[in-house]
Each structure stands twice: as C-alpha cells, then as structure tokens.
Amino acid sequence: MKSINYEPLPLEKIISALSYFTMGIVGFIWLLLGAILKLGLRPFLRYHIYQSIFLSFLFFLISMGLSLILGILSYIPFIGGIISTITFLIATPIIATFSILNILFILFIGYLVITSLMGKMTFIPWVSNIIKANINY
C-alpha cells in the first residue's frame, strides 16, 4: 500500500469504496459526470476508479476464459471427470450459498474497500502497475 501526499476527501473515499462494491459502475458514472462538468479528479479517486473498472473487466475475462477452457476439457473422457470433480469442489456452497471462490472474492473486494476508506492506494501486483502507468499520477 502506498500513501499519498494529501488526505483524500471523505466523498472521494466513499466514491472509491462504492466503485469497488459495484464493480466499477459508480466510478464510471463519476468519470462521466466529471467529464461533463469538466471537473478534474484527484489522483486518489482516479486511481481507485480505474483500478475497480480494470479489475471488473479482468474478472469477466478470466471467468469467461475459464468457462470456455473447462467446457472444452469436460469433453475429454478421463480429464473431463477430474475437471468436473474439481469444479464441483470449488463451486459447492460451504457457507449459506457462498462457495470458496465467492468467499475469496468477497474478502478481496472487502480488503480493497477498507483500504480505500482508509485513504490508501492499494497495490495489486501487475494491475496497479498498469493503472499507474496510464494515469497522471
């Protein structure tokens, strides 16, 4: 985690947390409002908005790619049984209706929300480097 040189405004912290909760939708709307009203976004808010949008696209691409790969592998006789067993074990609800993957994803998003509410710029390897390289930091 990296701290910034100024204390983010409470509204910036709330918008960044909501952006993670909504998988970037609130952040995208905030970017549109900023563009329409010609308001400049401070680096803290811009960083978290772009990171939440990027993470949602990354999550979508990974889930679609895994679905495609697992769908193809399920047709192979011996490997299909192993893949379906592993998929069943990972996706089976263990607490209420939450599987292991759901719980890990919720914990990850919770970590991002808490650190953004604390005013920190959370570092996620590879993702944060891409975000920092593409915004005026």
N, C-alpha and C. Protein backbone atom coordinates (compact mmCIF):
# COMPACT_ATOMS: atom_id res chain seq x y z
N MET A 1 0.83 -1.17 0.00
CA MET A 1 0.00 0.00 0.00
C MET A 1 0.88 1.23 0.00
N LYS A 2 0.43 2.21 -0.71
CA LYS A 2 1.18 3.44 -0.77
C LYS A 2 0.28 4.57 -0.30
N SER A 3 0.79 5.40 0.57
CA SER A 3 0.00 6.55 0.99
C SER A 3 0.28 7.69 0.03
N ILE A 4 -0.60 8.66 0.04
CA ILE A 4 -0.48 9.79 -0.86
C ILE A 4 -0.09 11.03 -0.06
N ASN A 5 0.26 12.09 -0.77
CA ASN A 5 0.75 13.29 -0.12
C ASN A 5 -0.35 14.13 0.52
N TYR A 6 -1.59 13.89 0.22
CA TYR A 6 -2.69 14.66 0.78
C TYR A 6 -3.73 13.70 1.33
N GLU A 7 -4.56 14.22 2.20
CA GLU A 7 -5.63 13.40 2.76
C GLU A 7 -6.83 13.48 1.81
N PRO A 8 -7.28 12.33 1.30
CA PRO A 8 -8.43 12.34 0.40
C PRO A 8 -9.67 12.85 1.14
N LEU A 9 -10.53 13.50 0.40
CA LEU A 9 -11.79 13.99 0.94
C LEU A 9 -12.69 12.80 1.28
N PRO A 10 -13.58 12.95 2.26
CA PRO A 10 -14.49 11.85 2.59
C PRO A 10 -15.33 11.39 1.40
N LEU A 11 -15.74 12.32 0.55
CA LEU A 11 -16.52 11.94 -0.64
C LEU A 11 -15.68 11.07 -1.59
N GLU A 12 -14.39 11.39 -1.72
CA GLU A 12 -13.51 10.59 -2.57
C GLU A 12 -13.37 9.17 -2.03
N LYS A 13 -13.27 9.04 -0.73
CA LYS A 13 -13.16 7.72 -0.12
C LYS A 13 -14.44 6.91 -0.35
N ILE A 14 -15.58 7.56 -0.20
CA ILE A 14 -16.86 6.88 -0.38
C ILE A 14 -17.05 6.46 -1.83
N ILE A 15 -16.74 7.35 -2.77
CA ILE A 15 -16.88 7.02 -4.19
C ILE A 15 -15.94 5.88 -4.56
N SER A 16 -14.72 5.89 -4.05
CA SER A 16 -13.78 4.81 -4.38
C SER A 16 -14.27 3.48 -3.80
N ALA A 17 -14.81 3.49 -2.59
CA ALA A 17 -15.34 2.25 -1.99
C ALA A 17 -16.56 1.76 -2.76
N LEU A 18 -17.46 2.66 -3.11
CA LEU A 18 -18.65 2.27 -3.88
C LEU A 18 -18.27 1.76 -5.27
N SER A 19 -17.20 2.29 -5.80
CA SER A 19 -16.75 1.83 -7.12
C SER A 19 -16.32 0.36 -7.06
N TYR A 20 -15.67 -0.04 -5.97
CA TYR A 20 -15.31 -1.45 -5.83
C TYR A 20 -16.54 -2.31 -5.58
N PHE A 21 -17.47 -1.83 -4.74
CA PHE A 21 -18.69 -2.59 -4.45
C PHE A 21 -19.51 -2.86 -5.71
N THR A 22 -19.55 -1.90 -6.62
CA THR A 22 -20.39 -2.02 -7.81
C THR A 22 -19.61 -2.46 -9.04
N MET A 23 -18.42 -2.96 -8.84
CA MET A 23 -17.56 -3.44 -9.94
C MET A 23 -17.29 -2.34 -10.97
N GLY A 24 -17.10 -1.12 -10.49
CA GLY A 24 -16.70 -0.01 -11.35
C GLY A 24 -17.82 0.84 -11.89
N ILE A 25 -19.07 0.48 -11.66
CA ILE A 25 -20.19 1.23 -12.24
C ILE A 25 -20.28 2.64 -11.65
N VAL A 26 -20.20 2.75 -10.33
CA VAL A 26 -20.26 4.07 -9.69
C VAL A 26 -19.07 4.92 -10.15
N GLY A 27 -17.91 4.32 -10.24
CA GLY A 27 -16.73 5.05 -10.71
C GLY A 27 -16.87 5.52 -12.14
N PHE A 28 -17.45 4.68 -12.99
CA PHE A 28 -17.65 5.07 -14.39
C PHE A 28 -18.62 6.23 -14.48
N ILE A 29 -19.70 6.18 -13.69
CA ILE A 29 -20.66 7.29 -13.67
C ILE A 29 -19.99 8.57 -13.15
N TRP A 30 -19.14 8.43 -12.14
CA TRP A 30 -18.42 9.58 -11.60
C TRP A 30 -17.46 10.16 -12.65
N LEU A 31 -16.81 9.29 -13.42
CA LEU A 31 -15.95 9.77 -14.51
C LEU A 31 -16.75 10.53 -15.55
N LEU A 32 -17.93 10.01 -15.90
CA LEU A 32 -18.79 10.70 -16.87
C LEU A 32 -19.23 12.06 -16.34
N LEU A 33 -19.65 12.12 -15.09
CA LEU A 33 -20.05 13.40 -14.50
C LEU A 33 -18.88 14.38 -14.48
N GLY A 34 -17.71 13.88 -14.15
CA GLY A 34 -16.53 14.73 -14.15
C GLY A 34 -16.19 15.27 -15.53
N ALA A 35 -16.39 14.43 -16.55
CA ALA A 35 -16.12 14.87 -17.93
C ALA A 35 -17.17 15.88 -18.39
N ILE A 36 -18.42 15.64 -18.06
CA ILE A 36 -19.49 16.55 -18.47
C ILE A 36 -19.35 17.91 -17.79
N LEU A 37 -19.06 17.89 -16.49
CA LEU A 37 -18.93 19.13 -15.72
C LEU A 37 -17.53 19.73 -15.79
N LYS A 38 -16.63 19.06 -16.50
CA LYS A 38 -15.24 19.48 -16.68
C LYS A 38 -14.53 19.67 -15.33
N LEU A 39 -14.72 18.67 -14.46
CA LEU A 39 -14.05 18.66 -13.17
C LEU A 39 -12.86 17.71 -13.22
N GLY A 40 -11.77 18.12 -12.67
CA GLY A 40 -10.60 17.26 -12.62
C GLY A 40 -10.68 16.35 -11.40
N LEU A 41 -10.37 15.10 -11.59
CA LEU A 41 -10.36 14.16 -10.48
C LEU A 41 -8.97 14.09 -9.89
N ARG A 42 -8.91 14.05 -8.57
CA ARG A 42 -7.62 13.94 -7.90
C ARG A 42 -7.07 12.53 -8.09
N PRO A 43 -5.74 12.36 -7.98
CA PRO A 43 -5.11 11.07 -8.26
C PRO A 43 -5.66 9.90 -7.44
N PHE A 44 -6.00 10.12 -6.17
CA PHE A 44 -6.52 9.05 -5.33
C PHE A 44 -7.80 8.47 -5.93
N LEU A 45 -8.74 9.32 -6.26
CA LEU A 45 -10.02 8.87 -6.78
C LEU A 45 -9.85 8.25 -8.17
N ARG A 46 -9.06 8.89 -9.01
CA ARG A 46 -8.83 8.37 -10.35
C ARG A 46 -8.19 6.98 -10.30
N TYR A 47 -7.24 6.79 -9.40
CA TYR A 47 -6.56 5.51 -9.24
C TYR A 47 -7.55 4.41 -8.88
N HIS A 48 -8.37 4.65 -7.88
CA HIS A 48 -9.31 3.63 -7.42
C HIS A 48 -10.42 3.36 -8.44
N ILE A 49 -10.88 4.40 -9.10
CA ILE A 49 -11.92 4.20 -10.13
C ILE A 49 -11.37 3.34 -11.26
N TYR A 50 -10.22 3.72 -11.78
CA TYR A 50 -9.65 2.94 -12.89
C TYR A 50 -9.30 1.52 -12.46
N GLN A 51 -8.81 1.37 -11.24
CA GLN A 51 -8.47 0.03 -10.77
C GLN A 51 -9.72 -0.83 -10.62
N SER A 52 -10.81 -0.27 -10.12
CA SER A 52 -12.04 -1.06 -9.98
C SER A 52 -12.61 -1.45 -11.34
N ILE A 53 -12.56 -0.54 -12.30
CA ILE A 53 -13.05 -0.86 -13.64
C ILE A 53 -12.16 -1.93 -14.28
N PHE A 54 -10.86 -1.78 -14.15
CA PHE A 54 -9.93 -2.75 -14.72
C PHE A 54 -10.11 -4.12 -14.08
N LEU A 55 -10.28 -4.15 -12.76
CA LEU A 55 -10.47 -5.43 -12.07
C LEU A 55 -11.78 -6.11 -12.49
N SER A 56 -12.83 -5.33 -12.73
CA SER A 56 -14.09 -5.94 -13.17
C SER A 56 -13.94 -6.54 -14.57
N PHE A 57 -13.25 -5.83 -15.47
CA PHE A 57 -13.01 -6.40 -16.80
C PHE A 57 -12.12 -7.63 -16.72
N LEU A 58 -11.11 -7.57 -15.87
CA LEU A 58 -10.21 -8.71 -15.70
C LEU A 58 -10.95 -9.91 -15.13
N PHE A 59 -11.79 -9.69 -14.15
CA PHE A 59 -12.60 -10.76 -13.57
C PHE A 59 -13.52 -11.37 -14.63
N PHE A 60 -14.14 -10.52 -15.45
CA PHE A 60 -15.02 -11.01 -16.51
C PHE A 60 -14.24 -11.86 -17.51
N LEU A 61 -13.09 -11.37 -17.96
CA LEU A 61 -12.29 -12.11 -18.94
C LEU A 61 -11.79 -13.44 -18.38
N ILE A 62 -11.35 -13.44 -17.13
CA ILE A 62 -10.87 -14.68 -16.52
C ILE A 62 -12.01 -15.68 -16.37
N SER A 63 -13.17 -15.23 -15.90
CA SER A 63 -14.29 -16.17 -15.72
C SER A 63 -14.78 -16.72 -17.05
N MET A 64 -14.83 -15.89 -18.08
CA MET A 64 -15.26 -16.38 -19.39
C MET A 64 -14.21 -17.32 -19.98
N GLY A 65 -12.94 -17.00 -19.82
CA GLY A 65 -11.88 -17.86 -20.32
C GLY A 65 -11.87 -19.21 -19.63
N LEU A 66 -12.03 -19.19 -18.31
CA LEU A 66 -12.08 -20.46 -17.57
C LEU A 66 -13.31 -21.28 -17.95
N SER A 67 -14.44 -20.63 -18.14
CA SER A 67 -15.64 -21.36 -18.56
C SER A 67 -15.42 -22.03 -19.90
N LEU A 68 -14.80 -21.33 -20.82
CA LEU A 68 -14.53 -21.89 -22.15
C LEU A 68 -13.55 -23.06 -22.06
N ILE A 69 -12.47 -22.87 -21.33
CA ILE A 69 -11.47 -23.93 -21.21
C ILE A 69 -12.03 -25.15 -20.50
N LEU A 70 -12.75 -24.93 -19.40
CA LEU A 70 -13.34 -26.06 -18.67
C LEU A 70 -14.43 -26.75 -19.49
N GLY A 71 -15.15 -25.99 -20.28
CA GLY A 71 -16.15 -26.59 -21.17
C GLY A 71 -15.52 -27.49 -22.21
N ILE A 72 -14.41 -27.06 -22.76
CA ILE A 72 -13.70 -27.87 -23.76
C ILE A 72 -13.08 -29.10 -23.10
N LEU A 73 -12.45 -28.92 -21.94
CA LEU A 73 -11.80 -30.04 -21.26
C LEU A 73 -12.80 -31.07 -20.74
N SER A 74 -14.04 -30.66 -20.52
CA SER A 74 -15.03 -31.61 -19.99
C SER A 74 -15.40 -32.69 -21.00
N TYR A 75 -15.10 -32.46 -22.29
CA TYR A 75 -15.40 -33.47 -23.31
C TYR A 75 -14.33 -34.55 -23.43
N ILE A 76 -13.17 -34.33 -22.85
CA ILE A 76 -12.10 -35.32 -22.88
C ILE A 76 -12.43 -36.37 -21.82
N PRO A 77 -12.48 -37.66 -22.19
CA PRO A 77 -13.00 -38.69 -21.28
C PRO A 77 -12.42 -38.71 -19.87
N PHE A 78 -11.15 -38.92 -19.70
CA PHE A 78 -10.57 -39.06 -18.37
C PHE A 78 -10.43 -37.70 -17.68
N ILE A 79 -9.98 -36.70 -18.41
CA ILE A 79 -9.77 -35.37 -17.85
C ILE A 79 -11.10 -34.70 -17.51
N GLY A 80 -12.14 -34.99 -18.26
CA GLY A 80 -13.44 -34.40 -18.00
C GLY A 80 -13.97 -34.73 -16.62
N GLY A 81 -13.78 -35.97 -16.19
CA GLY A 81 -14.21 -36.37 -14.85
C GLY A 81 -13.45 -35.65 -13.76
N ILE A 82 -12.14 -35.51 -13.95
CA ILE A 82 -11.31 -34.81 -12.96
C ILE A 82 -11.70 -33.33 -12.90
N ILE A 83 -11.87 -32.72 -14.07
CA ILE A 83 -12.23 -31.30 -14.13
C ILE A 83 -13.59 -31.06 -13.48
N SER A 84 -14.56 -31.93 -13.75
CA SER A 84 -15.89 -31.74 -13.16
C SER A 84 -15.85 -31.93 -11.64
N THR A 85 -15.02 -32.84 -11.15
CA THR A 85 -14.89 -33.03 -9.70
C THR A 85 -14.26 -31.81 -9.04
N ILE A 86 -13.20 -31.29 -9.64
CA ILE A 86 -12.54 -30.10 -9.09
C ILE A 86 -13.48 -28.90 -9.12
N THR A 87 -14.18 -28.74 -10.23
CA THR A 87 -15.14 -27.64 -10.35
C THR A 87 -16.24 -27.77 -9.30
N PHE A 88 -16.72 -28.98 -9.09
CA PHE A 88 -17.76 -29.21 -8.09
C PHE A 88 -17.27 -28.85 -6.69
N LEU A 89 -16.03 -29.25 -6.35
CA LEU A 89 -15.49 -28.99 -5.03
C LEU A 89 -15.27 -27.49 -4.79
N ILE A 90 -14.85 -26.78 -5.83
CA ILE A 90 -14.59 -25.35 -5.69
C ILE A 90 -15.89 -24.54 -5.67
N ALA A 91 -16.88 -24.96 -6.47
CA ALA A 91 -18.11 -24.18 -6.61
C ALA A 91 -19.24 -24.60 -5.68
N THR A 92 -19.05 -25.64 -4.89
CA THR A 92 -20.09 -26.09 -3.97
C THR A 92 -20.22 -25.10 -2.81
N PRO A 93 -21.43 -24.69 -2.51
CA PRO A 93 -21.61 -23.77 -1.37
C PRO A 93 -21.18 -24.42 -0.05
N ILE A 94 -20.40 -23.68 0.73
CA ILE A 94 -19.96 -24.20 2.02
C ILE A 94 -20.57 -23.40 3.18
N ILE A 95 -20.80 -22.12 2.96
CA ILE A 95 -21.44 -21.27 3.97
C ILE A 95 -22.63 -20.60 3.28
N ALA A 96 -23.83 -20.98 3.71
CA ALA A 96 -25.07 -20.49 3.09
C ALA A 96 -25.03 -20.82 1.61
N THR A 97 -24.98 -19.81 0.75
CA THR A 97 -24.91 -20.07 -0.69
C THR A 97 -23.57 -19.65 -1.28
N PHE A 98 -22.57 -19.45 -0.43
CA PHE A 98 -21.27 -18.98 -0.89
C PHE A 98 -20.28 -20.13 -1.02
N SER A 99 -19.65 -20.20 -2.19
CA SER A 99 -18.61 -21.20 -2.42
C SER A 99 -17.26 -20.63 -1.98
N ILE A 100 -16.24 -21.42 -2.10
CA ILE A 100 -14.88 -20.98 -1.75
C ILE A 100 -14.49 -19.78 -2.60
N LEU A 101 -14.79 -19.84 -3.89
CA LEU A 101 -14.44 -18.73 -4.79
C LEU A 101 -15.20 -17.47 -4.43
N ASN A 102 -16.50 -17.59 -4.08
CA ASN A 102 -17.28 -16.43 -3.68
C ASN A 102 -16.70 -15.78 -2.43
N ILE A 103 -16.34 -16.60 -1.46
CA ILE A 103 -15.80 -16.08 -0.21
C ILE A 103 -14.47 -15.37 -0.44
N LEU A 104 -13.59 -15.96 -1.25
CA LEU A 104 -12.31 -15.32 -1.55
C LEU A 104 -12.50 -14.00 -2.29
N PHE A 105 -13.44 -13.97 -3.22
CA PHE A 105 -13.71 -12.75 -3.98
C PHE A 105 -14.28 -11.66 -3.06
N ILE A 106 -15.19 -12.03 -2.18
CA ILE A 106 -15.77 -11.05 -1.25
C ILE A 106 -14.71 -10.51 -0.29
N LEU A 107 -13.82 -11.37 0.18
CA LEU A 107 -12.73 -10.92 1.05
C LEU A 107 -11.79 -9.97 0.32
N PHE A 108 -11.50 -10.25 -0.95
CA PHE A 108 -10.63 -9.38 -1.75
C PHE A 108 -11.28 -8.02 -1.96
N ILE A 109 -12.55 -7.99 -2.33
CA ILE A 109 -13.25 -6.73 -2.53
C ILE A 109 -13.35 -5.98 -1.20
N GLY A 110 -13.60 -6.70 -0.11
CA GLY A 110 -13.65 -6.07 1.21
C GLY A 110 -12.33 -5.42 1.58
N TYR A 111 -11.23 -6.10 1.27
CA TYR A 111 -9.90 -5.53 1.51
C TYR A 111 -9.71 -4.23 0.72
N LEU A 112 -10.10 -4.23 -0.53
CA LEU A 112 -9.97 -3.03 -1.36
C LEU A 112 -10.85 -1.90 -0.85
N VAL A 113 -12.05 -2.22 -0.41
CA VAL A 113 -12.97 -1.20 0.13
C VAL A 113 -12.40 -0.60 1.40
N ILE A 114 -11.92 -1.44 2.30
CA ILE A 114 -11.40 -0.95 3.59
C ILE A 114 -10.18 -0.06 3.37
N THR A 115 -9.27 -0.48 2.51
CA THR A 115 -8.07 0.34 2.29
C THR A 115 -8.41 1.65 1.58
N SER A 116 -9.40 1.63 0.69
CA SER A 116 -9.78 2.89 0.05
C SER A 116 -10.47 3.82 1.04
N LEU A 117 -11.25 3.28 1.98
CA LEU A 117 -11.86 4.11 3.01
C LEU A 117 -10.82 4.65 3.99
N MET A 118 -9.69 3.95 4.11
CA MET A 118 -8.60 4.43 4.96
C MET A 118 -7.77 5.50 4.26
N GLY A 119 -8.00 5.71 2.96
CA GLY A 119 -7.25 6.71 2.21
C GLY A 119 -5.95 6.20 1.64
N LYS A 120 -5.83 4.91 1.48
CA LYS A 120 -4.61 4.30 0.95
C LYS A 120 -4.83 3.89 -0.51
N MET A 121 -3.74 3.85 -1.24
CA MET A 121 -3.77 3.34 -2.61
C MET A 121 -3.28 1.90 -2.56
N THR A 122 -4.19 0.97 -2.67
CA THR A 122 -3.89 -0.44 -2.55
C THR A 122 -3.07 -0.91 -3.73
N PHE A 123 -2.00 -1.64 -3.44
CA PHE A 123 -1.16 -2.17 -4.51
C PHE A 123 -1.54 -3.61 -4.80
N ILE A 124 -1.90 -3.87 -6.04
CA ILE A 124 -2.17 -5.21 -6.53
C ILE A 124 -1.13 -5.46 -7.62
N PRO A 125 -0.27 -6.46 -7.45
CA PRO A 125 0.77 -6.69 -8.44
C PRO A 125 0.20 -6.79 -9.86
N TRP A 126 0.90 -6.23 -10.79
CA TRP A 126 0.59 -6.20 -12.20
C TRP A 126 -0.55 -5.22 -12.50
N VAL A 127 -1.65 -5.30 -11.79
CA VAL A 127 -2.81 -4.43 -12.05
C VAL A 127 -2.47 -2.98 -11.68
N SER A 128 -1.94 -2.76 -10.50
CA SER A 128 -1.62 -1.40 -10.06
C SER A 128 -0.54 -0.77 -10.93
N ASN A 129 0.39 -1.57 -11.39
CA ASN A 129 1.43 -1.04 -12.28
C ASN A 129 0.83 -0.54 -13.58
N ILE A 130 -0.14 -1.26 -14.11
CA ILE A 130 -0.81 -0.84 -15.35
C ILE A 130 -1.59 0.45 -15.11
N ILE A 131 -2.29 0.52 -13.99
CA ILE A 131 -3.09 1.71 -13.67
C ILE A 131 -2.18 2.93 -13.50
N LYS A 132 -1.10 2.78 -12.75
CA LYS A 132 -0.18 3.91 -12.51
C LYS A 132 0.47 4.38 -13.81
N ALA A 133 0.74 3.45 -14.71
CA ALA A 133 1.37 3.82 -15.97
C ALA A 133 0.44 4.59 -16.89
N ASN A 134 -0.86 4.41 -16.72
CA ASN A 134 -1.83 5.01 -17.64
C ASN A 134 -2.60 6.20 -17.10
N ILE A 135 -2.35 6.61 -15.86
CA ILE A 135 -2.98 7.82 -15.35
C ILE A 135 -1.91 8.81 -14.95
N ASN A 136 -2.27 10.06 -14.89
CA ASN A 136 -1.33 11.07 -14.42
C ASN A 136 -1.25 10.98 -12.92
N TYR A 137 -0.16 10.40 -12.45
CA TYR A 137 -0.05 10.08 -11.03
C TYR A 137 0.83 11.06 -10.33
